[in-house]
Structure formats: C-alpha cells, structure tokens
N, C-alpha and C. Protein backbone atom coordinates (compact mmCIF):
# COMPACT_ATOMS: atom_id res chain seq x y z
N MET A 1 20.70 5.85 30.00
CA MET A 1 19.40 5.30 29.62
C MET A 1 19.29 3.82 30.01
N VAL A 2 20.39 3.10 29.91
CA VAL A 2 20.38 1.69 30.32
C VAL A 2 20.17 1.58 31.82
N ARG A 3 20.82 2.44 32.57
CA ARG A 3 20.60 2.44 34.03
C ARG A 3 19.15 2.77 34.36
N LEU A 4 18.59 3.73 33.64
CA LEU A 4 17.23 4.16 33.91
C LEU A 4 16.21 3.10 33.54
N ARG A 5 16.38 2.47 32.37
CA ARG A 5 15.39 1.52 31.85
C ARG A 5 15.53 0.12 32.44
N GLN A 6 16.67 -0.23 32.99
CA GLN A 6 16.88 -1.53 33.64
C GLN A 6 16.57 -2.71 32.70
N PRO A 7 17.08 -2.72 31.47
CA PRO A 7 16.75 -3.81 30.54
C PRO A 7 17.44 -5.12 30.94
N GLU A 8 16.79 -6.23 30.57
CA GLU A 8 17.39 -7.54 30.77
C GLU A 8 18.25 -7.95 29.57
N ILE A 9 17.80 -7.59 28.36
CA ILE A 9 18.52 -7.92 27.14
C ILE A 9 18.75 -6.64 26.34
N THR A 10 20.00 -6.39 25.95
CA THR A 10 20.33 -5.25 25.11
C THR A 10 21.09 -5.75 23.88
N LEU A 11 21.11 -4.93 22.85
CA LEU A 11 21.76 -5.30 21.59
C LEU A 11 22.53 -4.12 21.05
N GLU A 12 23.69 -4.42 20.48
CA GLU A 12 24.48 -3.40 19.79
C GLU A 12 24.95 -3.96 18.46
N LEU A 13 24.73 -3.22 17.39
CA LEU A 13 25.22 -3.61 16.07
C LEU A 13 26.41 -2.72 15.74
N GLY A 14 27.60 -3.34 15.69
CA GLY A 14 28.84 -2.61 15.47
C GLY A 14 29.60 -2.45 16.76
N LEU A 15 30.77 -3.09 16.87
CA LEU A 15 31.57 -3.02 18.09
C LEU A 15 32.76 -2.08 17.92
N ALA A 16 33.58 -2.31 16.87
CA ALA A 16 34.76 -1.48 16.59
C ALA A 16 35.65 -1.36 17.83
N GLN A 17 35.88 -0.13 18.32
CA GLN A 17 36.77 0.06 19.47
C GLN A 17 36.08 -0.22 20.80
N GLY A 18 34.79 -0.42 20.77
CA GLY A 18 34.08 -0.88 21.97
C GLY A 18 33.70 0.18 22.97
N ILE A 19 33.74 1.46 22.59
CA ILE A 19 33.46 2.52 23.56
C ILE A 19 32.02 2.45 24.05
N SER A 20 31.06 2.36 23.12
CA SER A 20 29.66 2.31 23.55
C SER A 20 29.36 0.98 24.23
N ALA A 21 29.99 -0.11 23.80
CA ALA A 21 29.77 -1.40 24.47
C ALA A 21 30.23 -1.35 25.92
N LEU A 22 31.34 -0.66 26.17
CA LEU A 22 31.81 -0.50 27.54
C LEU A 22 30.76 0.23 28.38
N ALA A 23 30.19 1.31 27.82
CA ALA A 23 29.20 2.09 28.56
C ALA A 23 27.95 1.26 28.86
N ILE A 24 27.48 0.53 27.85
CA ILE A 24 26.26 -0.26 28.03
C ILE A 24 26.49 -1.40 29.01
N ALA A 25 27.61 -2.13 28.84
CA ALA A 25 27.90 -3.26 29.72
C ALA A 25 28.13 -2.79 31.16
N GLN A 26 28.79 -1.63 31.33
CA GLN A 26 29.00 -1.11 32.68
C GLN A 26 27.67 -0.74 33.33
N ALA A 27 26.75 -0.17 32.54
CA ALA A 27 25.43 0.17 33.08
C ALA A 27 24.68 -1.09 33.51
N LEU A 28 24.77 -2.16 32.72
CA LEU A 28 24.16 -3.42 33.11
C LEU A 28 24.78 -3.95 34.40
N GLU A 29 26.09 -3.83 34.48
CA GLU A 29 26.79 -4.27 35.69
C GLU A 29 26.34 -3.46 36.90
N ASP A 30 26.21 -2.15 36.71
CA ASP A 30 25.73 -1.29 37.79
C ASP A 30 24.31 -1.66 38.21
N ASN A 31 23.49 -2.07 37.23
CA ASN A 31 22.12 -2.48 37.53
C ASN A 31 22.07 -3.83 38.25
N GLY A 32 23.13 -4.61 38.08
CA GLY A 32 23.18 -5.93 38.71
C GLY A 32 22.51 -7.02 37.91
N HIS A 33 22.12 -6.73 36.67
CA HIS A 33 21.49 -7.75 35.83
C HIS A 33 21.54 -7.29 34.37
N GLY A 34 21.35 -8.26 33.46
CA GLY A 34 21.27 -7.93 32.04
C GLY A 34 22.41 -8.51 31.23
N ILE A 35 22.10 -8.86 29.98
CA ILE A 35 23.08 -9.38 29.03
C ILE A 35 23.06 -8.49 27.78
N HIS A 36 24.27 -8.16 27.31
CA HIS A 36 24.43 -7.29 26.14
C HIS A 36 24.94 -8.12 24.96
N HIS A 37 24.11 -8.25 23.92
CA HIS A 37 24.52 -8.93 22.70
C HIS A 37 25.17 -7.92 21.75
N VAL A 38 26.34 -8.26 21.25
CA VAL A 38 27.07 -7.38 20.34
C VAL A 38 27.35 -8.14 19.05
N VAL A 39 27.03 -7.51 17.91
CA VAL A 39 27.17 -8.15 16.61
C VAL A 39 28.13 -7.33 15.74
N ASP A 40 29.20 -7.97 15.29
CA ASP A 40 30.15 -7.28 14.40
C ASP A 40 30.98 -8.33 13.67
N PRO A 41 30.81 -8.45 12.35
CA PRO A 41 31.57 -9.47 11.60
C PRO A 41 33.03 -9.09 11.37
N PHE A 42 33.39 -7.84 11.64
CA PHE A 42 34.73 -7.34 11.31
C PHE A 42 35.58 -7.00 12.53
N GLU A 43 35.11 -7.36 13.72
CA GLU A 43 35.82 -6.95 14.93
C GLU A 43 37.26 -7.46 14.97
N ASN A 44 37.47 -8.72 14.62
CA ASN A 44 38.82 -9.28 14.70
C ASN A 44 39.66 -9.02 13.45
N THR A 45 39.00 -8.82 12.31
CA THR A 45 39.76 -8.59 11.07
C THR A 45 40.10 -7.12 10.86
N ALA A 46 39.14 -6.23 11.10
CA ALA A 46 39.37 -4.80 10.85
C ALA A 46 39.86 -4.05 12.09
N TYR A 47 39.50 -4.54 13.29
CA TYR A 47 39.84 -3.81 14.52
C TYR A 47 40.73 -4.62 15.46
N GLU A 48 41.22 -5.78 15.00
CA GLU A 48 42.15 -6.61 15.77
C GLU A 48 41.63 -6.92 17.17
N GLY A 49 40.30 -6.99 17.31
CA GLY A 49 39.70 -7.37 18.58
C GLY A 49 39.84 -6.38 19.71
N VAL A 50 40.14 -5.11 19.37
CA VAL A 50 40.40 -4.13 20.43
C VAL A 50 39.17 -3.90 21.31
N GLY A 51 37.97 -3.94 20.71
CA GLY A 51 36.76 -3.75 21.52
C GLY A 51 36.57 -4.87 22.53
N LEU A 52 36.81 -6.10 22.11
CA LEU A 52 36.70 -7.23 23.02
C LEU A 52 37.75 -7.18 24.11
N THR A 53 38.96 -6.74 23.74
CA THR A 53 40.03 -6.61 24.72
C THR A 53 39.66 -5.59 25.79
N GLY A 54 39.07 -4.47 25.37
CA GLY A 54 38.66 -3.44 26.33
C GLY A 54 37.62 -3.95 27.30
N LEU A 55 36.66 -4.71 26.79
CA LEU A 55 35.62 -5.27 27.67
C LEU A 55 36.22 -6.24 28.67
N LYS A 56 37.19 -7.04 28.20
CA LYS A 56 37.85 -8.00 29.10
C LYS A 56 38.64 -7.28 30.19
N ARG A 57 39.39 -6.26 29.80
CA ARG A 57 40.20 -5.51 30.77
C ARG A 57 39.32 -4.80 31.79
N ALA A 58 38.13 -4.40 31.37
CA ALA A 58 37.21 -3.72 32.28
C ALA A 58 36.45 -4.70 33.18
N GLY A 59 36.66 -6.00 32.95
CA GLY A 59 35.98 -7.00 33.76
C GLY A 59 34.50 -7.14 33.43
N LEU A 60 34.15 -6.84 32.17
CA LEU A 60 32.74 -6.83 31.78
C LEU A 60 32.38 -7.93 30.78
N SER A 61 33.30 -8.82 30.49
CA SER A 61 33.05 -9.86 29.49
C SER A 61 31.86 -10.74 29.84
N ASP A 62 31.62 -10.94 31.14
CA ASP A 62 30.50 -11.80 31.54
C ASP A 62 29.15 -11.18 31.21
N ARG A 63 29.12 -9.89 30.97
CA ARG A 63 27.87 -9.20 30.62
C ARG A 63 27.62 -9.20 29.11
N VAL A 64 28.58 -9.69 28.33
CA VAL A 64 28.53 -9.53 26.87
C VAL A 64 28.53 -10.89 26.18
N VAL A 65 27.67 -11.03 25.18
CA VAL A 65 27.70 -12.17 24.26
C VAL A 65 28.06 -11.60 22.89
N PHE A 66 29.23 -11.98 22.39
CA PHE A 66 29.71 -11.43 21.11
C PHE A 66 29.38 -12.38 19.98
N HIS A 67 28.86 -11.82 18.88
CA HIS A 67 28.51 -12.58 17.69
C HIS A 67 29.35 -12.05 16.53
N GLU A 68 30.31 -12.85 16.08
CA GLU A 68 31.15 -12.44 14.95
C GLU A 68 30.47 -12.87 13.66
N ALA A 69 29.43 -12.12 13.28
CA ALA A 69 28.60 -12.47 12.14
C ALA A 69 27.89 -11.22 11.66
N TYR A 70 27.21 -11.33 10.53
CA TYR A 70 26.40 -10.22 10.04
C TYR A 70 25.08 -10.18 10.81
N ALA A 71 24.51 -8.99 10.92
CA ALA A 71 23.30 -8.80 11.72
C ALA A 71 22.17 -9.72 11.26
N GLU A 72 22.01 -9.85 9.94
CA GLU A 72 20.90 -10.67 9.44
C GLU A 72 21.05 -12.15 9.78
N GLU A 73 22.26 -12.57 10.16
CA GLU A 73 22.49 -13.95 10.56
C GLU A 73 22.20 -14.18 12.05
N VAL A 74 22.08 -13.09 12.81
CA VAL A 74 22.00 -13.21 14.27
C VAL A 74 20.71 -12.65 14.84
N VAL A 75 20.36 -11.43 14.45
CA VAL A 75 19.28 -10.70 15.12
C VAL A 75 17.94 -11.47 15.14
N PRO A 76 17.52 -12.11 14.03
CA PRO A 76 16.22 -12.79 14.07
C PRO A 76 16.11 -13.89 15.13
N SER A 77 17.23 -14.44 15.57
CA SER A 77 17.19 -15.52 16.55
C SER A 77 17.47 -15.06 17.98
N LEU A 78 17.68 -13.77 18.18
CA LEU A 78 17.95 -13.27 19.53
C LEU A 78 16.67 -13.19 20.35
N PRO A 79 16.80 -13.22 21.68
CA PRO A 79 15.60 -13.03 22.52
C PRO A 79 15.07 -11.61 22.37
N ARG A 80 13.83 -11.41 22.78
CA ARG A 80 13.27 -10.06 22.72
C ARG A 80 14.05 -9.13 23.64
N MET A 81 14.07 -7.86 23.29
CA MET A 81 14.91 -6.89 24.00
C MET A 81 14.15 -5.60 24.21
N SER A 82 14.71 -4.73 25.05
CA SER A 82 14.07 -3.43 25.28
C SER A 82 15.04 -2.27 25.05
N PHE A 83 16.26 -2.58 24.58
CA PHE A 83 17.23 -1.53 24.28
C PHE A 83 18.16 -2.02 23.19
N ALA A 84 18.38 -1.17 22.18
CA ALA A 84 19.32 -1.50 21.10
C ALA A 84 20.05 -0.25 20.66
N PHE A 85 21.25 -0.46 20.15
CA PHE A 85 22.09 0.65 19.66
C PHE A 85 22.64 0.25 18.30
N ILE A 86 22.31 1.02 17.27
CA ILE A 86 22.72 0.72 15.90
C ILE A 86 23.84 1.67 15.50
N ASP A 87 25.01 1.12 15.28
CA ASP A 87 26.19 1.93 14.93
C ASP A 87 27.11 1.07 14.06
N SER A 88 26.56 0.58 12.94
CA SER A 88 27.32 -0.38 12.15
C SER A 88 27.71 0.16 10.79
N SER A 89 27.00 -0.22 9.72
CA SER A 89 27.50 0.04 8.37
C SER A 89 27.47 1.52 7.97
N HIS A 90 26.51 2.29 8.46
CA HIS A 90 26.34 3.71 8.11
C HIS A 90 25.84 3.94 6.69
N LEU A 91 25.51 2.88 5.96
CA LEU A 91 24.87 3.03 4.65
C LEU A 91 23.36 3.05 4.86
N PHE A 92 22.65 3.84 4.04
CA PHE A 92 21.21 4.00 4.22
C PHE A 92 20.48 2.67 4.20
N ASP A 93 20.70 1.88 3.15
CA ASP A 93 19.92 0.65 3.00
C ASP A 93 20.25 -0.38 4.07
N LEU A 94 21.52 -0.51 4.42
CA LEU A 94 21.88 -1.50 5.43
C LEU A 94 21.43 -1.07 6.83
N THR A 95 21.49 0.23 7.10
CA THR A 95 21.00 0.71 8.40
C THR A 95 19.49 0.55 8.50
N LEU A 96 18.78 0.80 7.40
CA LEU A 96 17.33 0.59 7.40
C LEU A 96 17.01 -0.89 7.64
N MET A 97 17.79 -1.78 7.01
CA MET A 97 17.60 -3.21 7.24
C MET A 97 17.86 -3.56 8.71
N ASP A 98 18.92 -2.98 9.28
CA ASP A 98 19.19 -3.20 10.70
C ASP A 98 18.00 -2.79 11.55
N PHE A 99 17.43 -1.62 11.26
CA PHE A 99 16.29 -1.14 12.03
C PHE A 99 15.11 -2.11 11.93
N VAL A 100 14.79 -2.56 10.73
CA VAL A 100 13.64 -3.45 10.54
C VAL A 100 13.83 -4.73 11.34
N MET A 101 15.04 -5.29 11.31
CA MET A 101 15.29 -6.52 12.06
C MET A 101 15.19 -6.29 13.57
N VAL A 102 15.77 -5.18 14.04
CA VAL A 102 15.74 -4.89 15.47
C VAL A 102 14.31 -4.62 15.92
N ASP A 103 13.54 -3.89 15.12
CA ASP A 103 12.15 -3.59 15.47
C ASP A 103 11.35 -4.86 15.73
N LYS A 104 11.60 -5.90 14.96
CA LYS A 104 10.86 -7.15 15.12
C LYS A 104 11.17 -7.84 16.45
N ARG A 105 12.31 -7.53 17.05
CA ARG A 105 12.69 -8.15 18.32
C ARG A 105 12.51 -7.20 19.51
N LEU A 106 12.13 -5.95 19.24
CA LEU A 106 12.07 -4.93 20.29
C LEU A 106 10.69 -4.88 20.94
N ASP A 107 10.67 -4.85 22.25
CA ASP A 107 9.42 -4.72 22.99
C ASP A 107 8.82 -3.32 22.79
N ILE A 108 7.50 -3.22 22.88
CA ILE A 108 6.86 -1.92 22.89
C ILE A 108 7.35 -1.14 24.11
N GLY A 109 7.72 0.10 23.89
CA GLY A 109 8.32 0.90 24.95
C GLY A 109 9.83 0.86 24.95
N GLY A 110 10.41 -0.02 24.10
CA GLY A 110 11.86 -0.14 24.02
C GLY A 110 12.49 1.01 23.24
N LEU A 111 13.79 1.17 23.43
CA LEU A 111 14.54 2.25 22.78
C LEU A 111 15.52 1.69 21.75
N ILE A 112 15.69 2.46 20.65
CA ILE A 112 16.76 2.19 19.70
C ILE A 112 17.56 3.48 19.55
N GLY A 113 18.87 3.37 19.71
CA GLY A 113 19.75 4.52 19.51
C GLY A 113 20.45 4.42 18.16
N PHE A 114 20.61 5.57 17.51
CA PHE A 114 21.33 5.66 16.24
C PHE A 114 22.45 6.69 16.40
N HIS A 115 23.60 6.37 15.86
CA HIS A 115 24.78 7.23 16.01
C HIS A 115 25.17 7.83 14.66
N ASP A 116 25.95 8.93 14.71
CA ASP A 116 26.53 9.57 13.52
C ASP A 116 25.48 10.12 12.57
N LEU A 117 24.49 10.81 13.11
CA LEU A 117 23.42 11.34 12.28
C LEU A 117 23.83 12.57 11.48
N TRP A 118 25.09 12.96 11.56
CA TRP A 118 25.59 14.00 10.66
C TRP A 118 25.74 13.45 9.24
N LEU A 119 25.67 12.13 9.10
CA LEU A 119 25.70 11.52 7.77
C LEU A 119 24.30 11.55 7.18
N PRO A 120 24.12 12.09 5.96
CA PRO A 120 22.78 12.24 5.38
C PRO A 120 22.01 10.94 5.28
N GLY A 121 22.69 9.83 4.96
CA GLY A 121 21.99 8.55 4.83
C GLY A 121 21.37 8.10 6.14
N LEU A 122 22.07 8.34 7.25
CA LEU A 122 21.53 7.94 8.55
C LEU A 122 20.39 8.86 9.00
N THR A 123 20.53 10.14 8.72
CA THR A 123 19.42 11.05 9.01
C THR A 123 18.17 10.63 8.26
N LYS A 124 18.36 10.20 7.00
CA LYS A 124 17.21 9.77 6.19
C LYS A 124 16.54 8.55 6.81
N VAL A 125 17.32 7.62 7.34
CA VAL A 125 16.74 6.45 8.02
C VAL A 125 15.88 6.91 9.20
N LEU A 126 16.41 7.82 10.02
CA LEU A 126 15.64 8.30 11.18
C LEU A 126 14.39 9.05 10.76
N ARG A 127 14.48 9.79 9.67
CA ARG A 127 13.29 10.48 9.18
C ARG A 127 12.21 9.47 8.80
N TYR A 128 12.62 8.37 8.18
CA TYR A 128 11.66 7.32 7.86
C TYR A 128 11.05 6.74 9.13
N VAL A 129 11.89 6.44 10.11
CA VAL A 129 11.43 5.78 11.33
C VAL A 129 10.37 6.62 12.05
N VAL A 130 10.61 7.93 12.17
CA VAL A 130 9.70 8.76 12.97
C VAL A 130 8.50 9.26 12.16
N THR A 131 8.53 9.11 10.84
CA THR A 131 7.38 9.56 10.05
C THR A 131 6.50 8.41 9.56
N ASN A 132 7.08 7.21 9.44
CA ASN A 132 6.32 6.09 8.88
C ASN A 132 6.06 4.95 9.85
N ARG A 133 6.77 4.94 10.96
CA ARG A 133 6.60 3.86 11.93
C ARG A 133 6.16 4.42 13.27
N LYS A 134 5.73 3.54 14.17
CA LYS A 134 5.21 3.97 15.47
C LYS A 134 6.35 4.19 16.46
N TYR A 135 7.14 5.21 16.18
CA TYR A 135 8.27 5.58 17.03
C TYR A 135 8.25 7.07 17.30
N LEU A 136 8.61 7.45 18.51
CA LEU A 136 8.77 8.85 18.88
C LEU A 136 10.20 9.09 19.33
N VAL A 137 10.70 10.29 19.04
CA VAL A 137 12.04 10.65 19.51
C VAL A 137 12.02 10.75 21.03
N TYR A 138 12.98 10.09 21.64
CA TYR A 138 13.15 10.17 23.10
C TYR A 138 13.98 11.43 23.35
N ASP A 139 13.33 12.48 23.84
CA ASP A 139 13.92 13.83 23.80
C ASP A 139 14.85 14.12 24.97
N ASP A 140 15.79 13.24 25.20
CA ASP A 140 16.75 13.45 26.29
C ASP A 140 18.06 14.05 25.78
N ILE A 141 18.20 14.19 24.44
CA ILE A 141 19.44 14.70 23.86
C ILE A 141 19.14 16.03 23.18
N PRO A 142 19.89 17.09 23.50
CA PRO A 142 19.61 18.40 22.92
C PRO A 142 19.76 18.38 21.40
N VAL A 143 18.88 19.11 20.72
CA VAL A 143 18.92 19.24 19.27
C VAL A 143 19.49 20.60 18.91
N ARG A 144 20.49 20.61 18.04
CA ARG A 144 21.08 21.88 17.61
C ARG A 144 20.08 22.66 16.77
N PRO A 145 19.84 23.94 17.11
CA PRO A 145 18.86 24.73 16.34
C PRO A 145 19.27 24.87 14.87
N THR A 146 18.29 24.82 13.99
CA THR A 146 18.53 25.02 12.57
C THR A 146 18.72 26.51 12.31
N PRO A 147 19.68 26.90 11.43
CA PRO A 147 19.87 28.33 11.11
C PRO A 147 18.57 28.99 10.68
N LYS A 148 18.44 30.28 11.01
CA LYS A 148 17.20 31.02 10.76
C LYS A 148 16.80 31.01 9.29
N LYS A 149 17.78 31.07 8.39
CA LYS A 149 17.43 31.15 6.97
C LYS A 149 16.72 29.88 6.51
N TRP A 150 17.16 28.71 7.04
CA TRP A 150 16.50 27.46 6.65
C TRP A 150 15.13 27.33 7.29
N ARG A 151 14.99 27.87 8.49
CA ARG A 151 13.68 27.86 9.13
C ARG A 151 12.69 28.72 8.34
N ALA A 152 13.22 29.84 7.82
CA ALA A 152 12.37 30.73 7.03
C ALA A 152 11.94 30.05 5.73
N VAL A 153 12.89 29.36 5.08
CA VAL A 153 12.56 28.64 3.85
C VAL A 153 11.51 27.57 4.12
N SER A 154 11.67 26.84 5.22
CA SER A 154 10.72 25.80 5.57
C SER A 154 9.33 26.37 5.84
N ALA A 155 9.30 27.51 6.53
CA ALA A 155 8.01 28.14 6.83
C ALA A 155 7.27 28.53 5.56
N VAL A 156 8.01 29.06 4.58
CA VAL A 156 7.41 29.42 3.29
C VAL A 156 6.94 28.17 2.56
N ALA A 157 7.77 27.13 2.57
CA ALA A 157 7.43 25.89 1.86
C ALA A 157 6.14 25.28 2.37
N ARG A 158 5.92 25.36 3.68
CA ARG A 158 4.72 24.76 4.26
C ARG A 158 3.43 25.49 3.85
N ARG A 159 3.60 26.71 3.37
CA ARG A 159 2.42 27.49 2.94
C ARG A 159 2.07 27.24 1.47
N ILE A 160 2.93 26.56 0.73
CA ILE A 160 2.69 26.30 -0.68
C ILE A 160 1.75 25.10 -0.83
N PRO A 161 0.64 25.25 -1.53
CA PRO A 161 -0.27 24.11 -1.71
C PRO A 161 0.43 22.93 -2.40
N ARG A 162 0.26 21.76 -1.85
CA ARG A 162 0.80 20.51 -2.39
C ARG A 162 2.32 20.58 -2.62
N ALA A 163 2.99 21.24 -1.71
CA ALA A 163 4.44 21.41 -1.83
C ALA A 163 5.17 20.07 -1.85
N GLU A 164 4.57 19.05 -1.23
CA GLU A 164 5.23 17.74 -1.16
C GLU A 164 5.40 17.10 -2.53
N LEU A 165 4.72 17.61 -3.53
CA LEU A 165 4.83 17.04 -4.88
C LEU A 165 6.11 17.47 -5.59
N PHE A 166 6.72 18.58 -5.14
CA PHE A 166 7.90 19.05 -5.86
C PHE A 166 9.03 19.54 -4.97
N LEU A 167 8.84 19.52 -3.65
CA LEU A 167 9.90 19.89 -2.72
C LEU A 167 10.30 18.68 -1.88
N ARG A 168 11.58 18.62 -1.54
CA ARG A 168 12.05 17.52 -0.70
C ARG A 168 11.42 17.60 0.69
N PRO A 169 11.11 16.46 1.28
CA PRO A 169 10.51 16.46 2.63
C PRO A 169 11.37 17.21 3.65
N GLU A 170 12.71 17.17 3.49
CA GLU A 170 13.60 17.84 4.43
C GLU A 170 13.42 19.36 4.42
N VAL A 171 12.91 19.90 3.29
CA VAL A 171 12.68 21.34 3.20
C VAL A 171 11.37 21.71 3.91
N ILE A 172 10.37 20.88 3.73
CA ILE A 172 9.05 21.16 4.31
C ILE A 172 9.05 20.92 5.82
N GLU A 173 9.66 19.85 6.24
CA GLU A 173 9.72 19.50 7.67
C GLU A 173 11.17 19.26 8.05
N LEU A 174 11.77 20.23 8.71
CA LEU A 174 13.19 20.14 9.06
C LEU A 174 13.45 18.98 10.02
N SER A 175 14.64 18.39 9.89
CA SER A 175 14.99 17.28 10.78
C SER A 175 14.99 17.72 12.24
N SER A 176 15.39 18.96 12.49
CA SER A 176 15.38 19.45 13.87
C SER A 176 13.95 19.56 14.40
N ASP A 177 12.98 19.85 13.51
CA ASP A 177 11.58 19.89 13.94
C ASP A 177 11.06 18.51 14.31
N LEU A 178 11.67 17.48 13.73
CA LEU A 178 11.31 16.10 14.08
C LEU A 178 12.02 15.66 15.35
N GLY A 179 12.92 16.49 15.87
CA GLY A 179 13.62 16.18 17.11
C GLY A 179 14.91 15.40 16.92
N LEU A 180 15.43 15.36 15.67
CA LEU A 180 16.62 14.57 15.39
C LEU A 180 17.88 15.36 15.67
N ALA A 181 18.72 14.84 16.56
CA ALA A 181 20.02 15.45 16.83
C ALA A 181 21.01 15.06 15.74
N ARG A 182 22.13 15.79 15.64
CA ARG A 182 23.09 15.51 14.58
C ARG A 182 24.11 14.45 14.96
N SER A 183 24.21 14.11 16.22
CA SER A 183 25.19 13.11 16.63
C SER A 183 24.51 11.79 16.97
N MET A 184 23.61 11.81 17.93
CA MET A 184 22.95 10.59 18.39
C MET A 184 21.49 10.88 18.72
N THR A 185 20.62 9.98 18.32
CA THR A 185 19.20 10.12 18.63
C THR A 185 18.64 8.77 19.07
N PHE A 186 17.80 8.78 20.09
CA PHE A 186 17.10 7.58 20.53
C PHE A 186 15.62 7.71 20.19
N VAL A 187 15.05 6.63 19.74
CA VAL A 187 13.62 6.61 19.45
C VAL A 187 12.97 5.51 20.27
N GLU A 188 11.72 5.75 20.69
CA GLU A 188 10.99 4.83 21.56
C GLU A 188 9.85 4.19 20.78
N LYS A 189 9.74 2.89 20.84
CA LYS A 189 8.71 2.16 20.12
C LYS A 189 7.36 2.34 20.83
N GLN A 190 6.37 2.83 20.07
CA GLN A 190 5.05 3.10 20.62
C GLN A 190 4.05 1.97 20.38
N GLY A 191 4.35 1.12 19.40
CA GLY A 191 3.43 0.04 19.09
C GLY A 191 3.95 -0.80 17.95
N ASP A 192 3.28 -1.91 17.68
CA ASP A 192 3.67 -2.77 16.57
C ASP A 192 3.24 -2.15 15.24
N ASP A 193 3.82 -2.64 14.17
CA ASP A 193 3.56 -2.11 12.84
C ASP A 193 2.20 -2.58 12.34
N THR A 194 1.28 -1.65 12.16
CA THR A 194 -0.07 -2.00 11.70
C THR A 194 -0.44 -1.21 10.45
N ARG A 195 0.53 -0.78 9.66
CA ARG A 195 0.24 0.01 8.46
C ARG A 195 -0.55 -0.80 7.44
N GLU A 196 -1.39 -0.07 6.69
CA GLU A 196 -2.02 -0.67 5.52
C GLU A 196 -0.96 -0.94 4.46
N PHE A 197 -1.23 -1.84 3.53
CA PHE A 197 -0.22 -2.26 2.56
C PHE A 197 0.27 -1.11 1.68
N ASN A 198 -0.53 -0.05 1.54
CA ASN A 198 -0.16 1.05 0.65
C ASN A 198 0.20 2.34 1.39
N TYR A 199 0.44 2.24 2.72
CA TYR A 199 0.75 3.43 3.49
C TYR A 199 2.12 3.98 3.10
N PHE A 200 2.21 5.30 2.97
CA PHE A 200 3.50 5.93 2.75
C PHE A 200 3.40 7.40 3.08
N ARG A 201 4.40 7.89 3.81
CA ARG A 201 4.53 9.32 4.07
C ARG A 201 5.95 9.72 3.67
N GLY A 202 6.07 10.77 2.88
CA GLY A 202 7.39 11.21 2.43
C GLY A 202 8.29 11.52 3.60
N PHE A 203 9.57 11.14 3.48
CA PHE A 203 10.51 11.35 4.56
C PHE A 203 11.85 11.91 4.07
C-alpha cells in the first residue's frame, strides 16, 4: 500500500521488533522518497532497541525518524501525512485516542492500518471508526466469513423492531459485514469530521 500510495510522510505507533517498520521504510526506499515517523516510548526499555537495530542493519535508518515518547507527546506536532499504522497499546481507550490524534493529522484520502483485530477491544475501535466517522474499509485484505449460525442470528435480529435498544450492535451488524478482517484492516479517510454535537450511532 505504501508503494501504491507513494506517501511523503508516514507514521507508525508502536515499533517493538520493527517488522512493520522495516516493510514501510523499505517501501519508501523503493519509492525513492518519504520519511517514516515511528513512536514508541518502550522500544529501548522493553525491546532493547531491537527494532531500531533491524532498521539500521537493513540500511533504512535514513528513512526513519524515531520518537521515544508517548503518542500524545508527538503526534499533534507532526507534519500532515497520508499513511499511518496503529499497532501500539491494544487497549480500547488508548487505541481510540491514537486514532483521534492521527485523524487530525491525516489527509483526506489517507489510510490508517490497525493490527491484531482478533482482540475485542481493537475490533470495537474499528467498529466505531467505520460507523461514526467518515472512513471506509479499504477492501484489499480478505475478510474471513462469519459462521452460518451467527449470520442467521444477525438476519433475525435485523428483523426485530428497534432491536438496537436491547441487542448489541455486533449482533445486528456483524463485523465481517462492515468489512473488518480479524488480523489487519485499513480504513480510508473520506472527509473531515463534521458531525453534529449530539451525533451517535451504536457500534
């Protein structure tokens, strides 16, 4: 996706072993332009700098600006970007905060990738993003089909009047129907946030 989109500025929250950073930085290198900002306050303490070492050994350090800080200390001051990858805390509230900060710096038409969507908290964040914000799933990643029994339950739930008052949104509208994969999903920004102050859709 980085090769295809040709971004000038990319962002990654969470470095750890640096596997995705290597892929993104190599794509920028292949494109011949672009800088990848990486934010991780625990890279040297929890991971002994292994991600940074991998980037150096691959000869990609010149493509990367590393920020050893929390996202809220860095992201608001970064230049605008068209590609971001969120793979940091994995907690619902902190990941949602990461999304809100990244959205404010992301160009319309830009992509945000989310990893480890087998975790319920992260799936919930993506459900919020695609139901309440101007984002569409970038359908380049296959979605695992939902078992027939759950599809049947969902079909029945949608026929119940005002089902949203007493059934969980995940029952009425399956995550697979929203296009969410269980491992990684990318969403594309369609526009700036123009919601009314009282807008809300269950997610």
